[in-house]
Amino acid sequence: MDEKTYAAITEMCARLAGRLSDDTLGALRDQYAAGEWDLADATLLLNLAYEVVAISPEERDLIHSFLGDPDNPDLLNVPVIAEVPPPPYRFSPTGPANAPDPTRADTLLSTEAPRRRGHSLHRAWRDPFDGAPDGATWVYVLRVADGTDELKMHSGLTSKLWTSLREKRQLEVVADSSPLKPYQAAALTAAHPVWAA
C-alpha cells in the first residue's frame, strides 16, 4: 500500500473517533495496522451502516480513495450528511470520585511513549451526551514525532495496556504536525498533562 493511501486511512480513523463505537474503531485501527486491508474495509463499511454513522461527502470520497474495491456497494449503505456534527462528548481534566484510577495506565504509557517517538501524553475524562456511542471513560492523547505510524503506535500501546495491566483505555495518537480532528482537539483542550519529553 502506498504512503498516500495509508495516510488517508489514518486520517479517516481519526475522523471517526467519537462517532464509531470505541471497540469498533479500535478493531478497525488494529486491522489496518496489521495490513488486513479487506477485513478492515468490511469492518469500516458494515459498522458505519450498522451503527448509523453518517459521513460527509468529503469523507465518502476519502473512503472511496482507499477501498480495495472502490465500487464496493456497501459504501452506498452509509448515510451521507452535509456536515458532521461535533463530538457527542464533554471532556474535562479530572474525573468524578468514582472514576477508575488512571495511575497504572499513566505510568505504562509514560514509560512506553519515549521509546516509541512520543513527545507528550495527555489525559481527559470523557462524559457522553445523549446519543453518544459509548460511556464515560478516560481518554489519552499521545502526540508523536512526524512520520510515526499512528495506527501501529495505537495498536501497540493498547495491546500493551491489555497484556500488562488488563486495562482498556481509549487512546488517540496524533503526529505533531497533523491537524487535530474535532474529537482529538476537544480531548486535548481539556486534558491534564501526564508526561512530556
N, C-alpha and C. Protein backbone atom coordinates (compact mmCIF):
# COMPACT_ATOMS: atom_id res chain seq x y z
N MET A 1 0.84 -1.19 0.00
CA MET A 1 0.00 0.00 0.00
C MET A 1 0.88 1.24 0.00
N ASP A 2 0.53 2.21 -0.84
CA ASP A 2 1.37 3.40 -0.94
C ASP A 2 1.10 4.35 0.24
N GLU A 3 2.04 5.27 0.43
CA GLU A 3 2.01 6.17 1.58
C GLU A 3 0.77 7.06 1.60
N LYS A 4 0.36 7.55 0.44
CA LYS A 4 -0.81 8.44 0.36
C LYS A 4 -2.08 7.70 0.78
N THR A 5 -2.23 6.47 0.33
CA THR A 5 -3.41 5.69 0.69
C THR A 5 -3.43 5.39 2.18
N TYR A 6 -2.28 5.02 2.74
CA TYR A 6 -2.20 4.73 4.18
C TYR A 6 -2.50 5.99 5.00
N ALA A 7 -2.05 7.14 4.51
CA ALA A 7 -2.33 8.41 5.20
C ALA A 7 -3.83 8.70 5.19
N ALA A 8 -4.50 8.37 4.08
CA ALA A 8 -5.96 8.58 4.00
C ALA A 8 -6.69 7.68 5.00
N ILE A 9 -6.23 6.44 5.14
CA ILE A 9 -6.83 5.53 6.13
C ILE A 9 -6.63 6.07 7.53
N THR A 10 -5.42 6.52 7.84
CA THR A 10 -5.11 7.07 9.16
C THR A 10 -5.99 8.28 9.46
N GLU A 11 -6.15 9.15 8.47
CA GLU A 11 -6.99 10.34 8.66
C GLU A 11 -8.45 9.95 8.90
N MET A 12 -8.96 8.98 8.13
CA MET A 12 -10.35 8.59 8.29
C MET A 12 -10.59 7.98 9.66
N CYS A 13 -9.66 7.19 10.16
CA CYS A 13 -9.80 6.62 11.51
C CYS A 13 -9.85 7.74 12.55
N ALA A 14 -9.01 8.74 12.39
CA ALA A 14 -9.02 9.87 13.33
C ALA A 14 -10.35 10.62 13.27
N ARG A 15 -10.89 10.78 12.07
CA ARG A 15 -12.17 11.48 11.92
C ARG A 15 -13.32 10.72 12.59
N LEU A 16 -13.22 9.40 12.64
CA LEU A 16 -14.31 8.59 13.17
C LEU A 16 -14.26 8.42 14.69
N ALA A 17 -13.22 8.91 15.34
CA ALA A 17 -13.16 8.84 16.80
C ALA A 17 -14.35 9.60 17.40
N GLY A 18 -15.02 8.94 18.35
CA GLY A 18 -16.20 9.54 18.98
C GLY A 18 -17.47 9.37 18.18
N ARG A 19 -17.37 8.82 16.98
CA ARG A 19 -18.54 8.61 16.14
C ARG A 19 -18.84 7.11 16.02
N LEU A 20 -17.84 6.33 15.62
CA LEU A 20 -17.95 4.88 15.73
C LEU A 20 -17.75 4.49 17.19
N SER A 21 -18.27 3.35 17.59
CA SER A 21 -18.05 2.89 18.96
C SER A 21 -16.56 2.65 19.18
N ASP A 22 -16.13 2.80 20.43
CA ASP A 22 -14.72 2.64 20.77
C ASP A 22 -14.18 1.28 20.32
N ASP A 23 -14.93 0.21 20.60
CA ASP A 23 -14.46 -1.13 20.26
C ASP A 23 -14.34 -1.32 18.75
N THR A 24 -15.30 -0.80 18.02
CA THR A 24 -15.25 -0.93 16.56
C THR A 24 -14.05 -0.17 15.99
N LEU A 25 -13.86 1.06 16.45
CA LEU A 25 -12.74 1.85 15.94
C LEU A 25 -11.41 1.24 16.33
N GLY A 26 -11.32 0.69 17.54
CA GLY A 26 -10.09 0.03 17.95
C GLY A 26 -9.77 -1.17 17.07
N ALA A 27 -10.80 -1.98 16.77
CA ALA A 27 -10.61 -3.13 15.89
C ALA A 27 -10.20 -2.68 14.49
N LEU A 28 -10.83 -1.62 14.02
CA LEU A 28 -10.53 -1.09 12.68
C LEU A 28 -9.08 -0.64 12.59
N ARG A 29 -8.63 0.10 13.59
CA ARG A 29 -7.23 0.56 13.60
C ARG A 29 -6.27 -0.63 13.64
N ASP A 30 -6.59 -1.62 14.47
CA ASP A 30 -5.73 -2.81 14.57
C ASP A 30 -5.66 -3.55 13.24
N GLN A 31 -6.79 -3.69 12.56
CA GLN A 31 -6.82 -4.41 11.29
C GLN A 31 -6.02 -3.69 10.21
N TYR A 32 -6.20 -2.38 10.11
CA TYR A 32 -5.41 -1.64 9.12
C TYR A 32 -3.93 -1.67 9.48
N ALA A 33 -3.60 -1.53 10.76
CA ALA A 33 -2.19 -1.56 11.18
C ALA A 33 -1.54 -2.89 10.84
N ALA A 34 -2.32 -3.97 10.90
CA ALA A 34 -1.79 -5.31 10.62
C ALA A 34 -1.79 -5.65 9.14
N GLY A 35 -2.29 -4.73 8.30
CA GLY A 35 -2.33 -4.99 6.87
C GLY A 35 -3.47 -5.89 6.44
N GLU A 36 -4.49 -6.00 7.27
CA GLU A 36 -5.68 -6.80 6.93
C GLU A 36 -6.66 -5.90 6.17
N TRP A 37 -6.27 -5.53 4.96
CA TRP A 37 -7.00 -4.49 4.23
C TRP A 37 -8.45 -4.85 3.95
N ASP A 38 -8.70 -6.04 3.42
CA ASP A 38 -10.07 -6.43 3.06
C ASP A 38 -10.95 -6.54 4.29
N LEU A 39 -10.40 -7.14 5.35
CA LEU A 39 -11.16 -7.26 6.60
C LEU A 39 -11.48 -5.89 7.17
N ALA A 40 -10.48 -5.00 7.15
CA ALA A 40 -10.68 -3.65 7.68
C ALA A 40 -11.72 -2.88 6.86
N ASP A 41 -11.63 -2.98 5.55
CA ASP A 41 -12.63 -2.30 4.70
C ASP A 41 -14.04 -2.78 5.03
N ALA A 42 -14.19 -4.09 5.19
CA ALA A 42 -15.51 -4.64 5.53
C ALA A 42 -15.96 -4.16 6.90
N THR A 43 -15.05 -4.16 7.86
CA THR A 43 -15.38 -3.68 9.22
C THR A 43 -15.85 -2.23 9.16
N LEU A 44 -15.13 -1.42 8.41
CA LEU A 44 -15.47 0.00 8.29
C LEU A 44 -16.87 0.19 7.70
N LEU A 45 -17.11 -0.38 6.53
CA LEU A 45 -18.37 -0.13 5.83
C LEU A 45 -19.57 -0.73 6.56
N LEU A 46 -19.43 -1.96 7.02
CA LEU A 46 -20.55 -2.61 7.69
C LEU A 46 -20.90 -1.91 9.00
N ASN A 47 -19.90 -1.45 9.74
CA ASN A 47 -20.19 -0.81 11.02
C ASN A 47 -20.65 0.63 10.88
N LEU A 48 -20.19 1.32 9.85
CA LEU A 48 -20.76 2.65 9.59
C LEU A 48 -22.26 2.53 9.34
N ALA A 49 -22.65 1.53 8.56
CA ALA A 49 -24.07 1.33 8.28
C ALA A 49 -24.81 0.81 9.51
N TYR A 50 -24.23 -0.18 10.20
CA TYR A 50 -24.90 -0.80 11.35
C TYR A 50 -25.07 0.19 12.49
N GLU A 51 -24.04 0.99 12.76
CA GLU A 51 -24.11 1.96 13.86
C GLU A 51 -24.74 3.27 13.42
N VAL A 52 -25.16 3.35 12.16
CA VAL A 52 -25.80 4.53 11.57
C VAL A 52 -24.94 5.78 11.81
N VAL A 53 -23.69 5.67 11.38
CA VAL A 53 -22.76 6.80 11.47
C VAL A 53 -22.71 7.46 10.09
N ALA A 54 -23.22 8.67 10.03
CA ALA A 54 -23.23 9.39 8.75
C ALA A 54 -21.87 10.00 8.47
N ILE A 55 -21.54 10.11 7.21
CA ILE A 55 -20.28 10.71 6.79
C ILE A 55 -20.56 11.87 5.85
N SER A 56 -19.59 12.77 5.75
CA SER A 56 -19.73 13.90 4.84
C SER A 56 -19.36 13.46 3.42
N PRO A 57 -19.73 14.25 2.42
CA PRO A 57 -19.30 13.92 1.05
C PRO A 57 -17.77 13.83 0.93
N GLU A 58 -17.07 14.71 1.65
CA GLU A 58 -15.60 14.68 1.63
C GLU A 58 -15.09 13.36 2.21
N GLU A 59 -15.72 12.89 3.30
CA GLU A 59 -15.31 11.63 3.90
C GLU A 59 -15.65 10.44 3.00
N ARG A 60 -16.78 10.51 2.31
CA ARG A 60 -17.13 9.45 1.37
C ARG A 60 -16.06 9.34 0.28
N ASP A 61 -15.59 10.50 -0.21
CA ASP A 61 -14.55 10.49 -1.23
C ASP A 61 -13.23 9.96 -0.66
N LEU A 62 -12.95 10.29 0.59
CA LEU A 62 -11.73 9.81 1.24
C LEU A 62 -11.77 8.29 1.38
N ILE A 63 -12.91 7.75 1.83
CA ILE A 63 -13.06 6.30 1.94
C ILE A 63 -12.94 5.64 0.56
N HIS A 64 -13.58 6.22 -0.41
CA HIS A 64 -13.53 5.69 -1.78
C HIS A 64 -12.09 5.61 -2.28
N SER A 65 -11.24 6.55 -1.85
CA SER A 65 -9.86 6.61 -2.33
C SER A 65 -8.99 5.46 -1.84
N PHE A 66 -9.39 4.82 -0.71
CA PHE A 66 -8.53 3.76 -0.20
C PHE A 66 -9.18 2.37 -0.18
N LEU A 67 -10.42 2.25 -0.52
CA LEU A 67 -11.04 0.92 -0.53
C LEU A 67 -10.35 0.00 -1.53
N GLY A 68 -10.16 -1.24 -1.11
CA GLY A 68 -9.60 -2.23 -2.05
C GLY A 68 -10.49 -2.40 -3.26
N ASP A 69 -11.81 -2.30 -3.03
CA ASP A 69 -12.79 -2.33 -4.12
C ASP A 69 -13.53 -0.99 -4.11
N PRO A 70 -13.06 -0.02 -4.91
CA PRO A 70 -13.68 1.32 -4.88
C PRO A 70 -15.16 1.32 -5.23
N ASP A 71 -15.62 0.27 -5.89
CA ASP A 71 -17.03 0.18 -6.28
C ASP A 71 -17.83 -0.68 -5.31
N ASN A 72 -17.30 -0.89 -4.11
CA ASN A 72 -17.98 -1.71 -3.11
C ASN A 72 -19.39 -1.17 -2.86
N PRO A 73 -20.42 -1.97 -3.11
CA PRO A 73 -21.80 -1.48 -2.94
C PRO A 73 -22.14 -1.14 -1.49
N ASP A 74 -21.38 -1.69 -0.52
CA ASP A 74 -21.67 -1.38 0.89
C ASP A 74 -21.46 0.10 1.20
N LEU A 75 -20.65 0.79 0.41
CA LEU A 75 -20.45 2.23 0.63
C LEU A 75 -21.76 2.99 0.39
N LEU A 76 -22.61 2.46 -0.47
CA LEU A 76 -23.89 3.11 -0.75
C LEU A 76 -24.85 3.03 0.45
N ASN A 77 -24.60 2.07 1.37
CA ASN A 77 -25.46 1.92 2.54
C ASN A 77 -25.10 2.86 3.68
N VAL A 78 -24.00 3.59 3.52
CA VAL A 78 -23.56 4.51 4.57
C VAL A 78 -24.25 5.85 4.37
N PRO A 79 -24.97 6.35 5.39
CA PRO A 79 -25.66 7.63 5.22
C PRO A 79 -24.67 8.79 5.04
N VAL A 80 -25.07 9.75 4.22
CA VAL A 80 -24.23 10.92 3.95
C VAL A 80 -24.97 12.17 4.40
N ILE A 81 -24.25 13.04 5.12
CA ILE A 81 -24.83 14.32 5.58
C ILE A 81 -23.92 15.45 5.13
N ALA A 82 -24.49 16.64 5.05
CA ALA A 82 -23.73 17.78 4.55
C ALA A 82 -22.59 18.15 5.49
N GLU A 83 -22.83 18.08 6.79
CA GLU A 83 -21.81 18.49 7.77
C GLU A 83 -21.84 17.55 8.96
N VAL A 84 -20.68 17.12 9.39
CA VAL A 84 -20.57 16.22 10.54
C VAL A 84 -20.79 17.01 11.83
N PRO A 85 -21.65 16.54 12.73
CA PRO A 85 -21.89 17.26 13.98
C PRO A 85 -20.68 17.18 14.91
N PRO A 86 -20.61 18.05 15.91
CA PRO A 86 -19.49 17.99 16.86
C PRO A 86 -19.54 16.70 17.68
N PRO A 87 -18.43 16.33 18.30
CA PRO A 87 -18.39 15.09 19.09
C PRO A 87 -19.45 15.10 20.20
N PRO A 88 -20.12 13.96 20.42
CA PRO A 88 -21.18 13.91 21.43
C PRO A 88 -20.64 13.64 22.84
N TYR A 89 -19.56 14.31 23.17
CA TYR A 89 -18.93 14.12 24.49
C TYR A 89 -18.47 15.47 25.04
N ARG A 90 -18.40 15.52 26.37
CA ARG A 90 -17.79 16.66 27.08
C ARG A 90 -16.52 16.13 27.75
N PHE A 91 -15.43 16.86 27.62
CA PHE A 91 -14.16 16.45 28.20
C PHE A 91 -13.78 17.39 29.35
N SER A 92 -13.13 16.83 30.37
CA SER A 92 -12.65 17.63 31.49
C SER A 92 -11.33 17.05 31.98
N PRO A 93 -10.51 17.85 32.68
CA PRO A 93 -9.19 17.37 33.10
C PRO A 93 -9.24 16.35 34.23
N THR A 94 -10.33 16.34 34.98
CA THR A 94 -10.44 15.41 36.11
C THR A 94 -11.72 14.61 35.98
N GLY A 95 -11.71 13.42 36.56
CA GLY A 95 -12.89 12.57 36.55
C GLY A 95 -13.63 12.66 37.87
N PRO A 96 -14.78 12.03 37.96
CA PRO A 96 -15.54 12.01 39.20
C PRO A 96 -14.83 11.15 40.25
N ALA A 97 -15.30 11.23 41.47
CA ALA A 97 -14.66 10.49 42.57
C ALA A 97 -14.65 8.99 42.32
N ASN A 98 -15.64 8.49 41.62
CA ASN A 98 -15.72 7.04 41.38
C ASN A 98 -15.08 6.61 40.05
N ALA A 99 -14.34 7.50 39.40
CA ALA A 99 -13.68 7.15 38.15
C ALA A 99 -12.58 6.12 38.40
N PRO A 100 -12.33 5.23 37.47
CA PRO A 100 -11.23 4.27 37.63
C PRO A 100 -9.90 5.01 37.82
N ASP A 101 -9.06 4.47 38.68
CA ASP A 101 -7.75 5.08 38.94
C ASP A 101 -6.88 4.97 37.69
N PRO A 102 -6.41 6.10 37.13
CA PRO A 102 -5.62 6.04 35.90
C PRO A 102 -4.11 5.87 36.14
N THR A 103 -3.70 5.75 37.38
CA THR A 103 -2.27 5.80 37.70
C THR A 103 -1.45 4.76 36.96
N ARG A 104 -1.92 3.51 36.93
CA ARG A 104 -1.13 2.46 36.29
C ARG A 104 -1.03 2.69 34.78
N ALA A 105 -2.12 3.12 34.16
CA ALA A 105 -2.07 3.41 32.72
C ALA A 105 -1.18 4.62 32.46
N ASP A 106 -1.27 5.64 33.31
CA ASP A 106 -0.39 6.80 33.17
C ASP A 106 1.07 6.37 33.16
N THR A 107 1.43 5.51 34.11
CA THR A 107 2.82 5.08 34.26
C THR A 107 3.27 4.26 33.06
N LEU A 108 2.45 3.31 32.64
CA LEU A 108 2.84 2.47 31.50
C LEU A 108 2.99 3.31 30.24
N LEU A 109 2.01 4.15 29.94
CA LEU A 109 2.07 4.95 28.72
C LEU A 109 3.22 5.96 28.76
N SER A 110 3.48 6.54 29.93
CA SER A 110 4.59 7.49 30.08
C SER A 110 5.94 6.81 29.90
N THR A 111 6.01 5.54 30.28
CA THR A 111 7.24 4.77 30.11
C THR A 111 7.44 4.35 28.66
N GLU A 112 6.36 3.93 28.02
CA GLU A 112 6.45 3.45 26.64
C GLU A 112 6.58 4.58 25.61
N ALA A 113 5.96 5.72 25.87
CA ALA A 113 5.91 6.79 24.87
C ALA A 113 7.28 7.24 24.37
N PRO A 114 8.24 7.51 25.24
CA PRO A 114 9.54 7.98 24.71
C PRO A 114 10.28 6.92 23.90
N ARG A 115 9.99 5.66 24.15
CA ARG A 115 10.61 4.57 23.38
C ARG A 115 10.04 4.47 21.98
N ARG A 116 8.89 5.13 21.77
CA ARG A 116 8.16 4.99 20.50
C ARG A 116 7.95 6.33 19.81
N ARG A 117 8.86 7.25 20.02
CA ARG A 117 8.84 8.57 19.37
C ARG A 117 7.72 9.47 19.88
N GLY A 118 7.27 9.22 21.11
CA GLY A 118 6.27 10.08 21.71
C GLY A 118 6.88 11.38 22.21
N HIS A 119 6.10 12.45 22.15
CA HIS A 119 6.56 13.76 22.63
C HIS A 119 5.81 14.23 23.87
N SER A 120 4.51 13.94 23.93
CA SER A 120 3.74 14.35 25.12
C SER A 120 2.49 13.48 25.24
N LEU A 121 2.09 13.29 26.50
CA LEU A 121 0.92 12.47 26.81
C LEU A 121 -0.04 13.27 27.65
N HIS A 122 -1.31 13.21 27.29
CA HIS A 122 -2.36 13.98 27.97
C HIS A 122 -3.53 13.06 28.27
N ARG A 123 -4.26 13.37 29.36
CA ARG A 123 -5.40 12.53 29.76
C ARG A 123 -6.59 13.42 30.10
N ALA A 124 -7.76 13.04 29.59
CA ALA A 124 -9.00 13.77 29.89
C ALA A 124 -10.09 12.77 30.26
N TRP A 125 -11.04 13.24 31.06
CA TRP A 125 -12.22 12.43 31.38
C TRP A 125 -13.30 12.78 30.36
N ARG A 126 -13.93 11.74 29.83
CA ARG A 126 -14.96 11.91 28.80
C ARG A 126 -16.32 11.56 29.36
N ASP A 127 -17.26 12.50 29.26
CA ASP A 127 -18.67 12.27 29.63
C ASP A 127 -19.51 12.32 28.36
N PRO A 128 -20.42 11.34 28.18
CA PRO A 128 -21.22 11.33 26.96
C PRO A 128 -22.45 12.23 27.04
N PHE A 129 -22.81 12.79 25.92
CA PHE A 129 -24.11 13.42 25.76
C PHE A 129 -25.08 12.34 25.26
N ASP A 130 -26.37 12.66 25.24
CA ASP A 130 -27.35 11.71 24.70
C ASP A 130 -26.99 11.36 23.25
N GLY A 131 -27.10 10.08 22.96
CA GLY A 131 -26.82 9.63 21.60
C GLY A 131 -25.38 9.25 21.34
N ALA A 132 -24.50 9.45 22.31
CA ALA A 132 -23.09 9.07 22.13
C ALA A 132 -22.99 7.55 22.05
N PRO A 133 -22.05 7.05 21.26
CA PRO A 133 -21.95 5.59 21.12
C PRO A 133 -21.36 4.88 22.33
N ASP A 134 -20.68 5.60 23.21
CA ASP A 134 -20.04 4.97 24.37
C ASP A 134 -20.20 5.84 25.61
N GLY A 135 -19.81 5.25 26.75
CA GLY A 135 -19.99 5.91 28.02
C GLY A 135 -18.79 6.72 28.48
N ALA A 136 -18.83 7.06 29.77
CA ALA A 136 -17.76 7.86 30.38
C ALA A 136 -16.51 7.01 30.55
N THR A 137 -15.36 7.64 30.32
CA THR A 137 -14.08 6.94 30.47
C THR A 137 -12.93 7.93 30.37
N TRP A 138 -11.74 7.46 30.72
CA TRP A 138 -10.53 8.23 30.48
C TRP A 138 -10.14 8.12 29.01
N VAL A 139 -9.67 9.23 28.45
CA VAL A 139 -9.16 9.26 27.08
C VAL A 139 -7.76 9.86 27.11
N TYR A 140 -6.84 9.18 26.46
CA TYR A 140 -5.46 9.67 26.36
C TYR A 140 -5.21 10.20 24.95
N VAL A 141 -4.43 11.28 24.88
CA VAL A 141 -3.96 11.79 23.59
C VAL A 141 -2.44 11.80 23.65
N LEU A 142 -1.82 11.07 22.75
CA LEU A 142 -0.37 11.00 22.67
C LEU A 142 0.10 11.72 21.42
N ARG A 143 0.87 12.78 21.60
CA ARG A 143 1.48 13.47 20.46
C ARG A 143 2.81 12.79 20.15
N VAL A 144 3.04 12.51 18.88
CA VAL A 144 4.22 11.76 18.46
C VAL A 144 4.95 12.51 17.36
N ALA A 145 6.20 12.12 17.13
CA ALA A 145 7.01 12.74 16.09
C ALA A 145 6.37 12.51 14.72
N ASP A 146 6.53 13.49 13.85
CA ASP A 146 6.07 13.34 12.48
C ASP A 146 6.73 12.13 11.84
N GLY A 147 5.97 11.42 11.03
CA GLY A 147 6.48 10.23 10.39
C GLY A 147 6.22 8.95 11.16
N THR A 148 5.71 9.09 12.39
CA THR A 148 5.36 7.91 13.19
C THR A 148 4.09 7.29 12.61
N ASP A 149 4.05 5.98 12.57
CA ASP A 149 2.86 5.27 12.11
C ASP A 149 1.83 5.30 13.25
N GLU A 150 0.86 6.18 13.13
CA GLU A 150 -0.11 6.40 14.21
C GLU A 150 -0.97 5.16 14.47
N LEU A 151 -1.32 4.44 13.42
CA LEU A 151 -2.15 3.24 13.60
C LEU A 151 -1.38 2.14 14.33
N LYS A 152 -0.13 1.91 13.94
CA LYS A 152 0.67 0.88 14.61
C LYS A 152 1.01 1.28 16.04
N MET A 153 1.25 2.57 16.26
CA MET A 153 1.50 3.05 17.61
C MET A 153 0.28 2.80 18.50
N HIS A 154 -0.92 3.13 17.98
CA HIS A 154 -2.15 2.89 18.73
C HIS A 154 -2.31 1.41 19.04
N SER A 155 -2.14 0.59 18.03
CA SER A 155 -2.31 -0.86 18.21
C SER A 155 -1.32 -1.42 19.23
N GLY A 156 -0.07 -1.00 19.12
CA GLY A 156 0.95 -1.49 20.04
C GLY A 156 0.71 -1.09 21.48
N LEU A 157 0.33 0.17 21.69
CA LEU A 157 0.15 0.65 23.06
C LEU A 157 -1.13 0.13 23.70
N THR A 158 -2.21 0.03 22.94
CA THR A 158 -3.44 -0.52 23.53
C THR A 158 -3.26 -2.01 23.84
N SER A 159 -2.50 -2.71 22.99
CA SER A 159 -2.20 -4.11 23.28
C SER A 159 -1.35 -4.23 24.54
N LYS A 160 -0.38 -3.34 24.69
CA LYS A 160 0.48 -3.35 25.88
C LYS A 160 -0.33 -3.08 27.14
N LEU A 161 -1.26 -2.15 27.07
CA LEU A 161 -2.13 -1.87 28.22
C LEU A 161 -2.91 -3.11 28.63
N TRP A 162 -3.39 -3.84 27.64
CA TRP A 162 -4.19 -5.02 27.94
C TRP A 162 -3.33 -6.17 28.46
N THR A 163 -2.23 -6.45 27.78
CA THR A 163 -1.42 -7.59 28.20
C THR A 163 -0.70 -7.35 29.53
N SER A 164 -0.32 -6.11 29.80
CA SER A 164 0.42 -5.81 31.03
C SER A 164 -0.50 -5.52 32.22
N LEU A 165 -1.59 -4.80 31.97
CA LEU A 165 -2.44 -4.32 33.06
C LEU A 165 -3.85 -4.88 33.04
N ARG A 166 -4.23 -5.54 31.95
CA ARG A 166 -5.62 -5.95 31.75
C ARG A 166 -6.56 -4.74 31.83
N GLU A 167 -6.12 -3.64 31.21
CA GLU A 167 -6.92 -2.41 31.18
C GLU A 167 -7.15 -2.01 29.73
N LYS A 168 -8.37 -1.57 29.46
CA LYS A 168 -8.71 -0.98 28.17
C LYS A 168 -8.84 0.52 28.38
N ARG A 169 -8.06 1.27 27.66
CA ARG A 169 -8.12 2.73 27.73
C ARG A 169 -8.26 3.27 26.31
N GLN A 170 -8.97 4.36 26.18
CA GLN A 170 -9.11 5.00 24.87
C GLN A 170 -7.88 5.85 24.62
N LEU A 171 -7.27 5.64 23.47
CA LEU A 171 -6.02 6.32 23.13
C LEU A 171 -6.11 6.89 21.73
N GLU A 172 -5.75 8.16 21.62
CA GLU A 172 -5.65 8.82 20.32
C GLU A 172 -4.19 9.19 20.11
N VAL A 173 -3.62 8.75 19.00
CA VAL A 173 -2.23 9.04 18.67
C VAL A 173 -2.24 10.04 17.52
N VAL A 174 -1.57 11.18 17.73
CA VAL A 174 -1.60 12.26 16.74
C VAL A 174 -0.19 12.78 16.51
N ALA A 175 0.24 12.78 15.25
CA ALA A 175 1.54 13.35 14.91
C ALA A 175 1.54 14.85 15.17
N ASP A 176 2.71 15.37 15.54
CA ASP A 176 2.82 16.77 15.95
C ASP A 176 2.27 17.75 14.93
N SER A 177 2.52 17.51 13.65
CA SER A 177 2.08 18.49 12.64
C SER A 177 0.73 18.15 12.03
N SER A 178 0.11 17.04 12.47
CA SER A 178 -1.21 16.68 11.93
C SER A 178 -2.27 17.63 12.47
N PRO A 179 -3.15 18.12 11.61
CA PRO A 179 -4.25 18.94 12.11
C PRO A 179 -5.15 18.09 13.01
N LEU A 180 -5.53 18.65 14.14
CA LEU A 180 -6.38 17.91 15.07
C LEU A 180 -7.80 17.83 14.53
N LYS A 181 -8.37 16.64 14.58
CA LYS A 181 -9.78 16.45 14.25
C LYS A 181 -10.61 16.85 15.47
N PRO A 182 -11.93 17.08 15.31
CA PRO A 182 -12.72 17.63 16.41
C PRO A 182 -12.66 16.85 17.72
N TYR A 183 -12.70 15.51 17.66
CA TYR A 183 -12.67 14.70 18.88
C TYR A 183 -11.34 14.86 19.60
N GLN A 184 -10.24 14.74 18.87
CA GLN A 184 -8.93 14.85 19.47
C GLN A 184 -8.68 16.27 19.99
N ALA A 185 -9.16 17.26 19.25
CA ALA A 185 -8.99 18.65 19.68
C ALA A 185 -9.75 18.92 20.98
N ALA A 186 -10.98 18.41 21.07
CA ALA A 186 -11.78 18.62 22.29
C ALA A 186 -11.13 17.93 23.48
N ALA A 187 -10.64 16.72 23.29
CA ALA A 187 -9.99 15.99 24.38
C ALA A 187 -8.71 16.70 24.81
N LEU A 188 -7.90 17.11 23.85
CA LEU A 188 -6.62 17.73 24.17
C LEU A 188 -6.79 19.09 24.84
N THR A 189 -7.79 19.85 24.41
CA THR A 189 -8.04 21.17 25.00
C THR A 189 -8.34 21.06 26.49
N ALA A 190 -9.07 20.01 26.87
CA ALA A 190 -9.47 19.86 28.28
C ALA A 190 -8.49 19.02 29.09
N ALA A 191 -7.53 18.41 28.44
CA ALA A 191 -6.73 17.36 29.08
C ALA A 191 -5.75 17.87 30.12
N HIS A 192 -5.43 16.97 31.03
CA HIS A 192 -4.38 17.16 32.04
C HIS A 192 -3.09 16.61 31.46
N PRO A 193 -1.98 17.37 31.52
CA PRO A 193 -0.73 16.82 31.00
C PRO A 193 -0.20 15.71 31.93
N VAL A 194 0.18 14.61 31.34
CA VAL A 194 0.69 13.46 32.12
C VAL A 194 2.20 13.36 32.00
N TRP A 195 2.71 13.56 30.79
CA TRP A 195 4.16 13.42 30.56
C TRP A 195 4.54 14.24 29.33
N ALA A 196 5.78 14.74 29.33
CA ALA A 196 6.32 15.43 28.16
C ALA A 196 7.82 15.14 28.07
N ALA A 197 8.29 15.04 26.85
CA ALA A 197 9.73 14.78 26.63
C ALA A 197 10.55 16.01 27.01
